[in-house]
């Protein structure tokens, strides 16, 4: 019966943690974004985030987006730097047409840092990207 379940592969949807200047508070902040680099809109996007290590675990954060238009991105959350010593996991579920897609993106501990910055698709910013 499991062999009859088709789970499509997620492509062109990414999670990025971007270091950007906050004009309001005059600080450099790390923000997590979901990026839709597809040519179709994503509907009913559910994102569940958490951080963990062998002896620590953060609370679970949930976010829902009714629609993420094609070739766009949306902010998920502000990330405190002390979370970077943990593995940070983003579980993303969405509908594309009538098909449901699901993927887990993981930033391993200490991989979010200024030395790891790269160009982020669709954003005029640099960040740490997981595909």
Protein backbone atom coordinates (compact mmCIF):
# COMPACT_ATOMS: atom_id res chain seq x y z
CA UNK A 1 0.00 0.00 0.00
CA UNK A 2 2.87 2.40 0.70
CA UNK A 3 4.10 1.78 -2.83
CA UNK A 4 0.81 3.24 -4.13
CA UNK A 5 1.38 6.61 -2.45
CA UNK A 6 3.03 9.12 -4.76
CA UNK A 7 5.02 11.78 -2.92
CA UNK A 8 6.26 14.30 -5.49
CA UNK A 9 9.75 15.77 -5.13
CA UNK A 10 9.94 19.43 -4.09
CA UNK A 11 11.96 21.56 -6.50
CA UNK A 12 12.63 25.30 -6.68
CA UNK A 13 11.36 26.01 -3.17
CA UNK A 14 14.08 27.08 -0.73
CA UNK A 15 14.63 28.34 2.78
CA UNK A 16 17.17 31.14 3.32
CA UNK A 17 18.42 32.83 6.47
CA UNK A 18 19.40 36.37 5.48
CA UNK A 19 21.47 38.90 7.40
CA UNK A 20 19.89 42.32 6.85
CA UNK A 21 19.78 45.77 8.37
CA UNK A 22 16.72 46.68 10.45
CA UNK A 23 15.97 50.38 9.86
CA UNK A 24 13.59 50.61 12.81
CA UNK A 25 15.95 49.27 15.49
CA UNK A 26 19.24 50.13 13.71
CA UNK A 27 20.52 46.55 14.06
CA UNK A 28 21.74 43.71 11.85
CA UNK A 29 19.12 40.95 12.04
CA UNK A 30 18.95 37.38 10.79
CA UNK A 31 15.59 36.59 9.17
CA UNK A 32 14.34 33.30 7.73
CA UNK A 33 12.51 33.39 4.37
CA UNK A 34 10.71 30.88 2.19
CA UNK A 35 11.43 31.34 -1.52
CA UNK A 36 9.15 30.17 -4.33
CA UNK A 37 11.31 30.05 -7.48
CA UNK A 38 8.61 28.11 -9.37
CA UNK A 39 6.48 29.37 -12.25
CA UNK A 40 3.30 28.55 -10.30
CA UNK A 41 1.75 29.84 -7.07
CA UNK A 42 1.94 27.74 -3.91
CA UNK A 43 -1.24 27.46 -1.87
CA UNK A 44 -1.89 26.72 1.80
CA UNK A 45 1.80 26.86 2.78
CA UNK A 46 2.40 25.51 6.29
CA UNK A 47 5.80 26.00 7.93
CA UNK A 48 6.78 24.40 11.25
CA UNK A 49 10.15 25.42 12.68
CA UNK A 50 12.17 24.20 15.63
CA UNK A 51 15.74 24.11 16.88
CA UNK A 52 17.39 21.17 18.60
CA UNK A 53 20.63 19.62 19.81
CA UNK A 54 21.44 16.57 21.93
CA UNK A 55 20.42 18.35 25.14
CA UNK A 56 18.33 21.38 24.07
CA UNK A 57 15.13 21.96 22.15
CA UNK A 58 13.31 25.17 21.28
CA UNK A 59 9.59 25.64 21.26
CA UNK A 60 7.82 24.93 17.98
CA UNK A 61 6.85 27.88 15.78
CA UNK A 62 4.12 27.57 13.14
CA UNK A 63 3.28 29.87 10.25
CA UNK A 64 0.63 29.64 7.53
CA UNK A 65 0.58 31.45 4.21
CA UNK A 66 -2.63 31.22 2.18
CA UNK A 67 -0.70 31.82 -1.02
CA UNK A 68 2.93 32.33 -2.02
CA UNK A 69 2.92 33.77 -5.56
CA UNK A 70 5.27 32.43 -8.21
CA UNK A 71 8.80 33.87 -8.23
CA UNK A 72 8.37 35.47 -4.79
CA UNK A 73 9.40 35.08 -1.17
CA UNK A 74 7.95 35.64 2.30
CA UNK A 75 9.47 36.24 5.72
CA UNK A 76 9.02 33.38 8.16
CA UNK A 77 10.64 34.60 11.36
CA UNK A 78 13.37 36.62 13.04
CA UNK A 79 16.15 34.33 14.28
CA UNK A 80 18.24 35.09 17.36
CA UNK A 81 21.96 34.34 16.95
CA UNK A 82 22.04 31.97 19.93
CA UNK A 83 19.83 29.61 17.88
CA UNK A 84 22.69 29.06 15.41
CA UNK A 85 24.42 26.67 17.84
CA UNK A 86 21.43 24.36 17.34
CA UNK A 87 20.20 22.44 14.30
CA UNK A 88 17.35 24.52 12.88
CA UNK A 89 14.63 22.61 11.07
CA UNK A 90 11.92 23.99 8.77
CA UNK A 91 9.17 21.56 7.78
CA UNK A 92 7.29 22.93 4.77
CA UNK A 93 4.03 21.57 3.36
CA UNK A 94 2.11 23.15 0.48
CA UNK A 95 -0.30 22.50 -2.36
CA UNK A 96 0.59 22.99 -6.00
CA UNK A 97 -2.58 22.41 -7.96
CA UNK A 98 -4.20 19.31 -6.45
CA UNK A 99 -0.91 17.77 -5.31
CA UNK A 100 0.45 18.10 -1.78
CA UNK A 101 4.20 18.54 -1.34
CA UNK A 102 6.28 18.16 1.81
CA UNK A 103 9.95 18.77 2.54
CA UNK A 104 12.16 19.25 5.60
CA UNK A 105 14.99 21.79 5.36
CA UNK A 106 17.72 21.61 8.01
CA UNK A 107 20.42 24.14 8.83
CA UNK A 108 23.05 22.18 10.78
CA UNK A 109 24.47 23.80 13.91
CA UNK A 110 26.99 26.58 13.33
CA UNK A 111 26.34 26.70 9.55
CA UNK A 112 24.49 30.03 9.72
CA UNK A 113 27.27 32.62 9.86
CA UNK A 114 28.67 35.57 7.92
CA UNK A 115 31.32 33.39 6.23
CA UNK A 116 28.62 31.19 4.64
CA UNK A 117 26.70 33.97 2.88
CA UNK A 118 25.82 33.51 -0.79
CA UNK A 119 23.45 35.14 -3.28
CA UNK A 120 19.83 34.24 -2.58
CA UNK A 121 17.50 33.63 -5.58
CA UNK A 122 14.89 36.36 -6.19
CA UNK A 123 16.23 38.50 -3.33
CA UNK A 124 18.76 41.29 -3.62
CA UNK A 125 20.44 39.95 -0.51
CA UNK A 126 22.97 37.43 0.68
CA UNK A 127 22.18 34.65 3.08
CA UNK A 128 22.60 31.00 3.95
CA UNK A 129 20.49 28.86 1.62
CA UNK A 130 19.12 25.32 1.92
CA UNK A 131 17.62 23.78 -1.22
